[in-house]
Amino acid sequence: MKIVVLVIIYTVILIHDVPKLKERGGRTILVYTLLMMAALYQSIIFVFDLEWPFVHTAYDAIFGDLASRVVAFLKVP
């Protein structure tokens, strides 16, 4: 059921956006494509209940130790 809903949503989005994108330049199409790829990646993770990494995983890897130190510093004894 999830996949059917997502196919309908992406179809409606593309039907609405493709004519407008034809009028735009290359950068707009590039940014739109990158954003749609990110949305499609999230959709695949959602539909198939996958445990693939995403933005929060990168944030945890980069800022996890620092964030836990800040939280520990701010705790009231």
N, C-alpha and C. Protein backbone atom coordinates (compact mmCIF):
# COMPACT_ATOMS: atom_id res chain seq x y z
N MET A 1 0.82 -1.20 0.00
CA MET A 1 0.00 0.00 0.00
C MET A 1 0.86 1.27 0.00
N LYS A 2 1.97 1.22 0.76
CA LYS A 2 2.85 2.39 0.81
C LYS A 2 3.38 2.74 -0.57
N ILE A 3 3.76 1.71 -1.31
CA ILE A 3 4.36 1.95 -2.62
C ILE A 3 3.35 2.56 -3.59
N VAL A 4 2.12 2.15 -3.50
CA VAL A 4 1.08 2.70 -4.38
C VAL A 4 0.87 4.18 -4.09
N VAL A 5 0.81 4.51 -2.81
CA VAL A 5 0.62 5.92 -2.43
C VAL A 5 1.79 6.77 -2.89
N LEU A 6 3.00 6.27 -2.71
CA LEU A 6 4.17 7.04 -3.14
C LEU A 6 4.25 7.18 -4.65
N VAL A 7 3.87 6.15 -5.39
CA VAL A 7 3.86 6.26 -6.86
C VAL A 7 2.85 7.32 -7.29
N ILE A 8 1.70 7.34 -6.66
CA ILE A 8 0.68 8.36 -6.99
C ILE A 8 1.21 9.76 -6.66
N ILE A 9 1.82 9.91 -5.49
CA ILE A 9 2.35 11.22 -5.09
C ILE A 9 3.42 11.70 -6.05
N TYR A 10 4.40 10.83 -6.36
CA TYR A 10 5.47 11.24 -7.28
C TYR A 10 4.94 11.50 -8.69
N THR A 11 3.94 10.77 -9.12
CA THR A 11 3.35 11.02 -10.44
C THR A 11 2.70 12.39 -10.49
N VAL A 12 1.94 12.73 -9.46
CA VAL A 12 1.29 14.04 -9.42
C VAL A 12 2.33 15.16 -9.36
N ILE A 13 3.37 14.97 -8.56
CA ILE A 13 4.42 15.98 -8.46
C ILE A 13 5.09 16.19 -9.82
N LEU A 14 5.44 15.09 -10.49
CA LEU A 14 6.12 15.22 -11.78
C LEU A 14 5.21 15.80 -12.85
N ILE A 15 3.94 15.43 -12.85
CA ILE A 15 3.00 16.01 -13.82
C ILE A 15 2.91 17.51 -13.64
N HIS A 16 2.95 17.96 -12.40
CA HIS A 16 2.87 19.39 -12.12
C HIS A 16 4.18 20.10 -12.42
N ASP A 17 5.31 19.49 -12.11
CA ASP A 17 6.59 20.19 -12.18
C ASP A 17 7.31 20.12 -13.52
N VAL A 18 7.14 19.05 -14.27
CA VAL A 18 7.89 18.89 -15.52
C VAL A 18 7.63 20.03 -16.51
N PRO A 19 6.39 20.45 -16.75
CA PRO A 19 6.20 21.57 -17.68
C PRO A 19 6.88 22.86 -17.19
N LYS A 20 6.88 23.10 -15.90
CA LYS A 20 7.53 24.30 -15.36
C LYS A 20 9.05 24.18 -15.46
N LEU A 21 9.58 22.97 -15.30
CA LEU A 21 11.02 22.78 -15.38
C LEU A 21 11.55 22.97 -16.79
N LYS A 22 10.73 22.70 -17.78
CA LYS A 22 11.16 22.88 -19.17
C LYS A 22 11.44 24.34 -19.47
N GLU A 23 10.81 25.25 -18.72
CA GLU A 23 11.01 26.69 -18.93
C GLU A 23 12.23 27.20 -18.19
N ARG A 24 12.75 26.44 -17.25
CA ARG A 24 13.86 26.88 -16.40
C ARG A 24 15.21 26.49 -16.99
N GLY A 25 16.26 27.01 -16.35
CA GLY A 25 17.62 26.72 -16.79
C GLY A 25 18.17 25.44 -16.20
N GLY A 26 19.42 25.17 -16.52
CA GLY A 26 20.07 23.94 -16.12
C GLY A 26 20.28 23.81 -14.62
N ARG A 27 20.61 24.92 -13.94
CA ARG A 27 20.84 24.85 -12.50
C ARG A 27 19.57 24.49 -11.75
N THR A 28 18.47 25.05 -12.16
CA THR A 28 17.20 24.74 -11.51
C THR A 28 16.86 23.26 -11.67
N ILE A 29 17.08 22.74 -12.84
CA ILE A 29 16.81 21.33 -13.08
C ILE A 29 17.75 20.46 -12.26
N LEU A 30 19.01 20.86 -12.15
CA LEU A 30 19.98 20.12 -11.36
C LEU A 30 19.58 20.08 -9.88
N VAL A 31 19.23 21.23 -9.33
CA VAL A 31 18.83 21.30 -7.92
C VAL A 31 17.55 20.49 -7.71
N TYR A 32 16.60 20.62 -8.60
CA TYR A 32 15.35 19.86 -8.50
C TYR A 32 15.63 18.36 -8.53
N THR A 33 16.50 17.93 -9.43
CA THR A 33 16.83 16.52 -9.53
C THR A 33 17.50 16.01 -8.26
N LEU A 34 18.42 16.79 -7.70
CA LEU A 34 19.09 16.38 -6.46
C LEU A 34 18.10 16.28 -5.30
N LEU A 35 17.19 17.23 -5.21
CA LEU A 35 16.18 17.17 -4.15
C LEU A 35 15.23 15.99 -4.33
N MET A 36 14.86 15.71 -5.57
CA MET A 36 13.99 14.56 -5.82
C MET A 36 14.71 13.24 -5.54
N MET A 37 16.01 13.19 -5.80
CA MET A 37 16.77 11.98 -5.49
C MET A 37 16.83 11.76 -3.98
N ALA A 38 17.01 12.82 -3.20
CA ALA A 38 17.00 12.70 -1.75
C ALA A 38 15.63 12.24 -1.26
N ALA A 39 14.57 12.79 -1.83
CA ALA A 39 13.22 12.37 -1.45
C ALA A 39 12.96 10.92 -1.84
N LEU A 40 13.44 10.52 -3.00
CA LEU A 40 13.27 9.14 -3.44
C LEU A 40 14.04 8.18 -2.54
N TYR A 41 15.23 8.57 -2.12
CA TYR A 41 16.02 7.76 -1.18
C TYR A 41 15.26 7.56 0.12
N GLN A 42 14.70 8.64 0.65
CA GLN A 42 13.91 8.52 1.88
C GLN A 42 12.68 7.65 1.66
N SER A 43 12.06 7.77 0.51
CA SER A 43 10.87 6.97 0.21
C SER A 43 11.19 5.49 0.14
N ILE A 44 12.32 5.15 -0.47
CA ILE A 44 12.72 3.74 -0.56
C ILE A 44 12.96 3.17 0.84
N ILE A 45 13.62 3.95 1.69
CA ILE A 45 13.85 3.53 3.07
C ILE A 45 12.51 3.31 3.77
N PHE A 46 11.57 4.21 3.56
CA PHE A 46 10.26 4.12 4.20
C PHE A 46 9.46 2.92 3.71
N VAL A 47 9.41 2.72 2.40
CA VAL A 47 8.57 1.67 1.82
C VAL A 47 9.08 0.28 2.21
N PHE A 48 10.38 0.08 2.16
CA PHE A 48 10.92 -1.25 2.41
C PHE A 48 11.44 -1.44 3.83
N ASP A 49 11.22 -0.48 4.72
CA ASP A 49 11.65 -0.54 6.12
C ASP A 49 13.13 -0.91 6.24
N LEU A 50 13.96 -0.21 5.50
CA LEU A 50 15.39 -0.50 5.48
C LEU A 50 16.11 0.27 6.59
N GLU A 51 17.24 -0.23 6.97
CA GLU A 51 18.06 0.41 7.99
C GLU A 51 19.27 1.08 7.35
N TRP A 52 19.05 1.80 6.28
CA TRP A 52 20.14 2.47 5.59
C TRP A 52 20.48 3.77 6.30
N PRO A 53 21.71 4.23 6.16
CA PRO A 53 22.09 5.49 6.81
C PRO A 53 21.42 6.68 6.13
N PHE A 54 21.19 7.70 6.94
CA PHE A 54 20.66 8.94 6.40
C PHE A 54 21.28 10.11 7.16
N VAL A 55 20.72 11.26 7.03
CA VAL A 55 21.30 12.48 7.57
C VAL A 55 21.54 12.37 9.08
N HIS A 56 20.58 11.81 9.81
CA HIS A 56 20.75 11.73 11.25
C HIS A 56 21.94 10.84 11.62
N THR A 57 22.25 9.84 10.80
CA THR A 57 23.41 8.99 11.05
C THR A 57 24.70 9.79 10.88
N ALA A 58 24.75 10.61 9.86
CA ALA A 58 25.93 11.45 9.65
C ALA A 58 26.06 12.47 10.77
N TYR A 59 24.95 13.07 11.19
CA TYR A 59 25.00 14.02 12.29
C TYR A 59 25.50 13.36 13.57
N ASP A 60 25.03 12.14 13.84
CA ASP A 60 25.48 11.43 15.03
C ASP A 60 26.98 11.15 14.96
N ALA A 61 27.46 10.77 13.79
CA ALA A 61 28.88 10.47 13.64
C ALA A 61 29.73 11.72 13.79
N ILE A 62 29.25 12.85 13.29
CA ILE A 62 30.04 14.09 13.33
C ILE A 62 29.90 14.81 14.66
N PHE A 63 28.66 14.96 15.13
CA PHE A 63 28.41 15.80 16.31
C PHE A 63 28.02 15.02 17.56
N GLY A 64 27.95 13.71 17.48
CA GLY A 64 27.46 12.91 18.60
C GLY A 64 28.24 13.09 19.89
N ASP A 65 29.56 13.01 19.81
CA ASP A 65 30.39 13.15 21.00
C ASP A 65 30.29 14.56 21.56
N LEU A 66 30.36 15.55 20.71
CA LEU A 66 30.26 16.95 21.15
C LEU A 66 28.90 17.23 21.77
N ALA A 67 27.85 16.73 21.16
CA ALA A 67 26.50 16.95 21.68
C ALA A 67 26.33 16.31 23.05
N SER A 68 26.85 15.10 23.22
CA SER A 68 26.73 14.45 24.54
C SER A 68 27.53 15.20 25.58
N ARG A 69 28.65 15.79 25.23
CA ARG A 69 29.42 16.61 26.18
C ARG A 69 28.66 17.87 26.57
N VAL A 70 28.01 18.50 25.60
CA VAL A 70 27.24 19.71 25.90
C VAL A 70 26.07 19.37 26.83
N VAL A 71 25.37 18.28 26.56
CA VAL A 71 24.26 17.86 27.39
C VAL A 71 24.74 17.54 28.80
N ALA A 72 25.86 16.84 28.90
CA ALA A 72 26.41 16.52 30.23
C ALA A 72 26.82 17.78 30.97
N PHE A 73 27.34 18.76 30.27
CA PHE A 73 27.75 20.02 30.90
C PHE A 73 26.54 20.80 31.40
N LEU A 74 25.44 20.74 30.67
CA LEU A 74 24.27 21.53 31.03
C LEU A 74 23.38 20.87 32.08
N LYS A 75 23.62 19.62 32.41
CA LYS A 75 22.80 18.95 33.41
C LYS A 75 23.03 19.57 34.78
N VAL A 76 21.94 19.78 35.47
CA VAL A 76 22.00 20.34 36.82
C VAL A 76 22.23 19.19 37.79
N PRO A 77 23.23 19.33 38.68
CA PRO A 77 23.49 18.23 39.62
C PRO A 77 22.39 18.06 40.65
